[in-house]
Amino acid sequence: MPHQLTFYEVLKINELLAFQTTSLVKSKLFFETVKGKTNTRLLERDIDLSTQEIKNLRSLLCPVY
């Protein structure tokens, strides 16, 4: 039986999701700005990591993905 999240846990996960989503948008915007001008491998890894963290957090809230 899956663990039921408390109201506090849901709030905290939503807070983390908001932060991660904002961070991801900023990283993607910066990536588009510097693409072709510099080595963007670190930015790409950051974007991939943030995307995965967002998916993981969303799956905690709605495990039926």
PDB file of N, CA and C in Angstrom:
ATOM      1  N   MET A   1       0.843  -1.180   0.000  1.00  0.00           N
ATOM      2  CA  MET A   1       0.000   0.000   0.000  1.00  0.00           C
ATOM      3  C   MET A   1       0.889   1.243   0.000  1.00  0.00           C
ATOM      4  N   PRO A   2       0.657   2.175  -0.932  1.00  0.00           N
ATOM      5  CA  PRO A   2       1.491   3.375  -1.010  1.00  0.00           C
ATOM      6  C   PRO A   2       1.321   4.273   0.209  1.00  0.00           C
ATOM      7  N   HIS A   3       2.373   4.979   0.502  1.00  0.00           N
ATOM      8  CA  HIS A   3       2.378   5.914   1.628  1.00  0.00           C
ATOM      9  C   HIS A   3       1.527   7.136   1.300  1.00  0.00           C
ATOM     10  N   GLN A   4       0.602   7.483   2.187  1.00  0.00           N
ATOM     11  CA  GLN A   4      -0.197   8.689   2.022  1.00  0.00           C
ATOM     12  C   GLN A   4       0.621   9.879   2.516  1.00  0.00           C
ATOM     13  N   LEU A   5       0.726  10.907   1.695  1.00  0.00           N
ATOM     14  CA  LEU A   5       1.478  12.097   2.077  1.00  0.00           C
ATOM     15  C   LEU A   5       0.650  12.971   2.995  1.00  0.00           C
ATOM     16  N   THR A   6       1.320  13.574   3.955  1.00  0.00           N
ATOM     17  CA  THR A   6       0.637  14.525   4.824  1.00  0.00           C
ATOM     18  C   THR A   6       0.487  15.841   4.076  1.00  0.00           C
ATOM     19  N   PHE A   7      -0.366  16.699   4.586  1.00  0.00           N
ATOM     20  CA  PHE A   7      -0.572  18.004   3.986  1.00  0.00           C
ATOM     21  C   PHE A   7       0.742  18.777   3.941  1.00  0.00           C
ATOM     22  N   TYR A   8       1.523  18.711   5.002  1.00  0.00           N
ATOM     23  CA  TYR A   8       2.812  19.397   5.073  1.00  0.00           C
ATOM     24  C   TYR A   8       3.760  18.878   3.993  1.00  0.00           C
ATOM     25  N   GLU A   9       3.806  17.555   3.808  1.00  0.00           N
ATOM     26  CA  GLU A   9       4.673  16.974   2.783  1.00  0.00           C
ATOM     27  C   GLU A   9       4.269  17.434   1.382  1.00  0.00           C
ATOM     28  N   VAL A  10       2.975  17.489   1.134  1.00  0.00           N
ATOM     29  CA  VAL A  10       2.493  17.962  -0.163  1.00  0.00           C
ATOM     30  C   VAL A  10       2.898  19.415  -0.382  1.00  0.00           C
ATOM     31  N   LEU A  11       2.752  20.246   0.644  1.00  0.00           N
ATOM     32  CA  LEU A  11       3.157  21.648   0.529  1.00  0.00           C
ATOM     33  C   LEU A  11       4.644  21.771   0.239  1.00  0.00           C
ATOM     34  N   LYS A  12       5.458  21.009   0.943  1.00  0.00           N
ATOM     35  CA  LYS A  12       6.907  21.065   0.748  1.00  0.00           C
ATOM     36  C   LYS A  12       7.305  20.582  -0.648  1.00  0.00           C
ATOM     37  N   ILE A  13       6.665  19.525  -1.115  1.00  0.00           N
ATOM     38  CA  ILE A  13       6.962  19.031  -2.457  1.00  0.00           C
ATOM     39  C   ILE A  13       6.569  20.075  -3.496  1.00  0.00           C
ATOM     40  N   ASN A  14       5.415  20.703  -3.315  1.00  0.00           N
ATOM     41  CA  ASN A  14       5.000  21.761  -4.235  1.00  0.00           C
ATOM     42  C   ASN A  14       5.966  22.940  -4.200  1.00  0.00           C
ATOM     43  N   GLU A  15       6.479  23.254  -3.036  1.00  0.00           N
ATOM     44  CA  GLU A  15       7.467  24.325  -2.899  1.00  0.00           C
ATOM     45  C   GLU A  15       8.753  23.964  -3.661  1.00  0.00           C
ATOM     46  N   LEU A  16       9.204  22.736  -3.502  1.00  0.00           N
ATOM     47  CA  LEU A  16      10.387  22.270  -4.230  1.00  0.00           C
ATOM     48  C   LEU A  16      10.145  22.260  -5.733  1.00  0.00           C
ATOM     49  N   LEU A  17       8.957  21.846  -6.143  1.00  0.00           N
ATOM     50  CA  LEU A  17       8.617  21.853  -7.566  1.00  0.00           C
ATOM     51  C   LEU A  17       8.664  23.262  -8.141  1.00  0.00           C
ATOM     52  N   ALA A  18       8.125  24.211  -7.418  1.00  0.00           N
ATOM     53  CA  ALA A  18       8.136  25.598  -7.892  1.00  0.00           C
ATOM     54  C   ALA A  18       9.567  26.094  -8.043  1.00  0.00           C
ATOM     55  N   PHE A  19      10.410  25.810  -7.055  1.00  0.00           N
ATOM     56  CA  PHE A  19      11.801  26.234  -7.106  1.00  0.00           C
ATOM     57  C   PHE A  19      12.532  25.566  -8.274  1.00  0.00           C
ATOM     58  N   GLN A  20      12.365  24.241  -8.406  1.00  0.00           N
ATOM     59  CA  GLN A  20      13.041  23.501  -9.472  1.00  0.00           C
ATOM     60  C   GLN A  20      12.577  23.961 -10.852  1.00  0.00           C
ATOM     61  N   THR A  21      11.292  24.223 -10.987  1.00  0.00           N
ATOM     62  CA  THR A  21      10.760  24.657 -12.273  1.00  0.00           C
ATOM     63  C   THR A  21      11.318  26.023 -12.656  1.00  0.00           C
ATOM     64  N   THR A  22      11.363  26.943 -11.703  1.00  0.00           N
ATOM     65  CA  THR A  22      11.933  28.266 -11.952  1.00  0.00           C
ATOM     66  C   THR A  22      13.402  28.160 -12.322  1.00  0.00           C
ATOM     67  N   SER A  23      14.115  27.323 -11.608  1.00  0.00           N
ATOM     68  CA  SER A  23      15.535  27.115 -11.867  1.00  0.00           C
ATOM     69  C   SER A  23      15.745  26.523 -13.263  1.00  0.00           C
ATOM     70  N   LEU A  24      14.902  25.591 -13.640  1.00  0.00           N
ATOM     71  CA  LEU A  24      15.007  24.972 -14.958  1.00  0.00           C
ATOM     72  C   LEU A  24      14.749  25.992 -16.063  1.00  0.00           C
ATOM     73  N   VAL A  25      13.750  26.822 -15.892  1.00  0.00           N
ATOM     74  CA  VAL A  25      13.445  27.852 -16.894  1.00  0.00           C
ATOM     75  C   VAL A  25      14.628  28.799 -17.062  1.00  0.00           C
ATOM     76  N   LYS A  26      15.227  29.207 -15.949  1.00  0.00           N
ATOM     77  CA  LYS A  26      16.389  30.101 -16.014  1.00  0.00           C
ATOM     78  C   LYS A  26      17.566  29.424 -16.715  1.00  0.00           C
ATOM     79  N   SER A  27      17.799  28.153 -16.402  1.00  0.00           N
ATOM     80  CA  SER A  27      18.902  27.425 -17.039  1.00  0.00           C
ATOM     81  C   SER A  27      18.685  27.293 -18.539  1.00  0.00           C
ATOM     82  N   LYS A  28      17.451  26.984 -18.939  1.00  0.00           N
ATOM     83  CA  LYS A  28      17.162  26.849 -20.371  1.00  0.00           C
ATOM     84  C   LYS A  28      17.309  28.184 -21.090  1.00  0.00           C
ATOM     85  N   LEU A  29      16.870  29.262 -20.457  1.00  0.00           N
ATOM     86  CA  LEU A  29      17.001  30.587 -21.054  1.00  0.00           C
ATOM     87  C   LEU A  29      18.475  30.959 -21.211  1.00  0.00           C
ATOM     88  N   PHE A  30      19.256  30.715 -20.167  1.00  0.00           N
ATOM     89  CA  PHE A  30      20.683  31.008 -20.229  1.00  0.00           C
ATOM     90  C   PHE A  30      21.364  30.150 -21.294  1.00  0.00           C
ATOM     91  N   PHE A  31      20.977  28.873 -21.354  1.00  0.00           N
ATOM     92  CA  PHE A  31      21.534  27.965 -22.351  1.00  0.00           C
ATOM     93  C   PHE A  31      21.293  28.501 -23.758  1.00  0.00           C
ATOM     94  N   GLU A  32      20.077  28.940 -24.036  1.00  0.00           N
ATOM     95  CA  GLU A  32      19.763  29.472 -25.364  1.00  0.00           C
ATOM     96  C   GLU A  32      20.562  30.740 -25.651  1.00  0.00           C
ATOM     97  N   THR A  33      20.854  31.512 -24.612  1.00  0.00           N
ATOM     98  CA  THR A  33      21.614  32.749 -24.774  1.00  0.00           C
ATOM     99  C   THR A  33      23.069  32.475 -25.143  1.00  0.00           C
ATOM    100  N   VAL A  34      23.686  31.466 -24.533  1.00  0.00           N
ATOM    101  CA  VAL A  34      25.109  31.217 -24.736  1.00  0.00           C
ATOM    102  C   VAL A  34      25.396  30.082 -25.706  1.00  0.00           C
ATOM    103  N   LYS A  35      24.365  29.426 -26.199  1.00  0.00           N
ATOM    104  CA  LYS A  35      24.549  28.285 -27.107  1.00  0.00           C
ATOM    105  C   LYS A  35      25.393  28.702 -28.311  1.00  0.00           C
ATOM    106  N   GLY A  36      26.391  27.910 -28.605  1.00  0.00           N
ATOM    107  CA  GLY A  36      27.260  28.196 -29.737  1.00  0.00           C
ATOM    108  C   GLY A  36      28.411  29.123 -29.409  1.00  0.00           C
ATOM    109  N   LYS A  37      28.378  29.761 -28.253  1.00  0.00           N
ATOM    110  CA  LYS A  37      29.436  30.701 -27.886  1.00  0.00           C
ATOM    111  C   LYS A  37      30.428  30.089 -26.909  1.00  0.00           C
ATOM    112  N   THR A  38      30.016  29.066 -26.214  1.00  0.00           N
ATOM    113  CA  THR A  38      30.863  28.485 -25.187  1.00  0.00           C
ATOM    114  C   THR A  38      30.508  27.010 -25.001  1.00  0.00           C
ATOM    115  N   ASN A  39      31.270  26.324 -24.195  1.00  0.00           N
ATOM    116  CA  ASN A  39      30.990  24.930 -23.892  1.00  0.00           C
ATOM    117  C   ASN A  39      29.762  24.868 -22.982  1.00  0.00           C
ATOM    118  N   THR A  40      28.720  24.242 -23.459  1.00  0.00           N
ATOM    119  CA  THR A  40      27.453  24.233 -22.716  1.00  0.00           C
ATOM    120  C   THR A  40      27.156  22.883 -22.064  1.00  0.00           C
ATOM    121  N   ARG A  41      28.145  22.022 -21.994  1.00  0.00           N
ATOM    122  CA  ARG A  41      27.935  20.691 -21.424  1.00  0.00           C
ATOM    123  C   ARG A  41      27.423  20.747 -19.979  1.00  0.00           C
ATOM    124  N   LEU A  42      27.988  21.626 -19.149  1.00  0.00           N
ATOM    125  CA  LEU A  42      27.530  21.737 -17.757  1.00  0.00           C
ATOM    126  C   LEU A  42      26.083  22.218 -17.681  1.00  0.00           C
ATOM    127  N   LEU A  43      25.731  23.168 -18.522  1.00  0.00           N
ATOM    128  CA  LEU A  43      24.343  23.635 -18.551  1.00  0.00           C
ATOM    129  C   LEU A  43      23.401  22.522 -18.985  1.00  0.00           C
ATOM    130  N   GLU A  44      23.793  21.759 -19.970  1.00  0.00           N
ATOM    131  CA  GLU A  44      22.955  20.647 -20.422  1.00  0.00           C
ATOM    132  C   GLU A  44      22.749  19.625 -19.313  1.00  0.00           C
ATOM    133  N   ARG A  45      23.803  19.319 -18.565  1.00  0.00           N
ATOM    134  CA  ARG A  45      23.674  18.381 -17.448  1.00  0.00           C
ATOM    135  C   ARG A  45      22.773  18.945 -16.360  1.00  0.00           C
ATOM    136  N   ASP A  46      22.898  20.244 -16.090  1.00  0.00           N
ATOM    137  CA  ASP A  46      22.048  20.896 -15.096  1.00  0.00           C
ATOM    138  C   ASP A  46      20.584  20.833 -15.510  1.00  0.00           C
ATOM    139  N   ILE A  47      20.331  21.073 -16.784  1.00  0.00           N
ATOM    140  CA  ILE A  47      18.957  21.016 -17.298  1.00  0.00           C
ATOM    141  C   ILE A  47      18.405  19.593 -17.187  1.00  0.00           C
ATOM    142  N   ASP A  48      19.206  18.611 -17.561  1.00  0.00           N
ATOM    143  CA  ASP A  48      18.767  17.214 -17.464  1.00  0.00           C
ATOM    144  C   ASP A  48      18.489  16.815 -16.020  1.00  0.00           C
ATOM    145  N   LEU A  49      19.375  17.215 -15.109  1.00  0.00           N
ATOM    146  CA  LEU A  49      19.196  16.896 -13.697  1.00  0.00           C
ATOM    147  C   LEU A  49      17.938  17.553 -13.145  1.00  0.00           C
ATOM    148  N   SER A  50      17.738  18.825 -13.448  1.00  0.00           N
ATOM    149  CA  SER A  50      16.544  19.524 -12.969  1.00  0.00           C
ATOM    150  C   SER A  50      15.276  18.899 -13.520  1.00  0.00           C
ATOM    151  N   THR A  51      15.307  18.523 -14.780  1.00  0.00           N
ATOM    152  CA  THR A  51      14.141  17.882 -15.394  1.00  0.00           C
ATOM    153  C   THR A  51      13.814  16.569 -14.690  1.00  0.00           C
ATOM    154  N   GLN A  52      14.837  15.787 -14.396  1.00  0.00           N
ATOM    155  CA  GLN A  52      14.619  14.512 -13.711  1.00  0.00           C
ATOM    156  C   GLN A  52      14.103  14.727 -12.291  1.00  0.00           C
ATOM    157  N   GLU A  53      14.635  15.705 -11.580  1.00  0.00           N
ATOM    158  CA  GLU A  53      14.173  15.991 -10.222  1.00  0.00           C
ATOM    159  C   GLU A  53      12.707  16.420 -10.221  1.00  0.00           C
ATOM    160  N   ILE A  54      12.323  17.224 -11.210  1.00  0.00           N
ATOM    161  CA  ILE A  54      10.928  17.649 -11.311  1.00  0.00           C
ATOM    162  C   ILE A  54      10.027  16.439 -11.557  1.00  0.00           C
ATOM    163  N   LYS A  55      10.445  15.544 -12.442  1.00  0.00           N
ATOM    164  CA  LYS A  55       9.657  14.331 -12.699  1.00  0.00           C
ATOM    165  C   LYS A  55       9.522  13.499 -11.431  1.00  0.00           C
ATOM    166  N   ASN A  56      10.607  13.357 -10.687  1.00  0.00           N
ATOM    167  CA  ASN A  56      10.582  12.571  -9.455  1.00  0.00           C
ATOM    168  C   ASN A  56       9.646  13.190  -8.424  1.00  0.00           C
ATOM    169  N   LEU A  57       9.707  14.514  -8.274  1.00  0.00           N
ATOM    170  CA  LEU A  57       8.837  15.180  -7.313  1.00  0.00           C
ATOM    171  C   LEU A  57       7.370  15.058  -7.725  1.00  0.00           C
ATOM    172  N   ARG A  58       7.096  15.227  -9.013  1.00  0.00           N
ATOM    173  CA  ARG A  58       5.713  15.092  -9.491  1.00  0.00           C
ATOM    174  C   ARG A  58       5.191  13.679  -9.268  1.00  0.00           C
ATOM    175  N   SER A  59       6.058  12.693  -9.428  1.00  0.00           N
ATOM    176  CA  SER A  59       5.610  11.313  -9.236  1.00  0.00           C
ATOM    177  C   SER A  59       5.261  11.043  -7.771  1.00  0.00           C
ATOM    178  N   LEU A  60       5.859  11.791  -6.852  1.00  0.00           N
ATOM    179  CA  LEU A  60       5.479  11.658  -5.442  1.00  0.00           C
ATOM    180  C   LEU A  60       4.060  12.160  -5.210  1.00  0.00           C
ATOM    181  N   LEU A  61       3.707  13.227  -5.910  1.00  0.00           N
ATOM    182  CA  LEU A  61       2.372  13.800  -5.738  1.00  0.00           C
ATOM    183  C   LEU A  61       1.314  12.993  -6.479  1.00  0.00           C
ATOM    184  N   CYS A  62       1.684  12.479  -7.619  1.00  0.00           N
ATOM    185  CA  CYS A  62       0.735  11.739  -8.454  1.00  0.00           C
ATOM    186  C   CYS A  62       1.444  10.512  -9.008  1.00  0.00           C
ATOM    187  N   PRO A  63       1.489   9.427  -8.254  1.00  0.00           N
ATOM    188  CA  PRO A  63       2.272   8.254  -8.657  1.00  0.00           C
ATOM    189  C   PRO A  63       1.695   7.471  -9.834  1.00  0.00           C
ATOM    190  N   VAL A  64       0.717   8.015 -10.527  1.00  0.00           N
ATOM    191  CA  VAL A  64       0.074   7.289 -11.617  1.00  0.00           C
ATOM    192  C   VAL A  64       0.604   7.721 -12.976  1.00  0.00           C
ATOM    193  N   TYR A  65       1.760   8.389 -13.045  1.00  0.00           N
ATOM    194  CA  TYR A  65       2.321   8.826 -14.324  1.00  0.00           C
ATOM    195  C   TYR A  65       2.625   7.677 -15.225  1.00  0.00           C
TER     196      TYR A  65
END
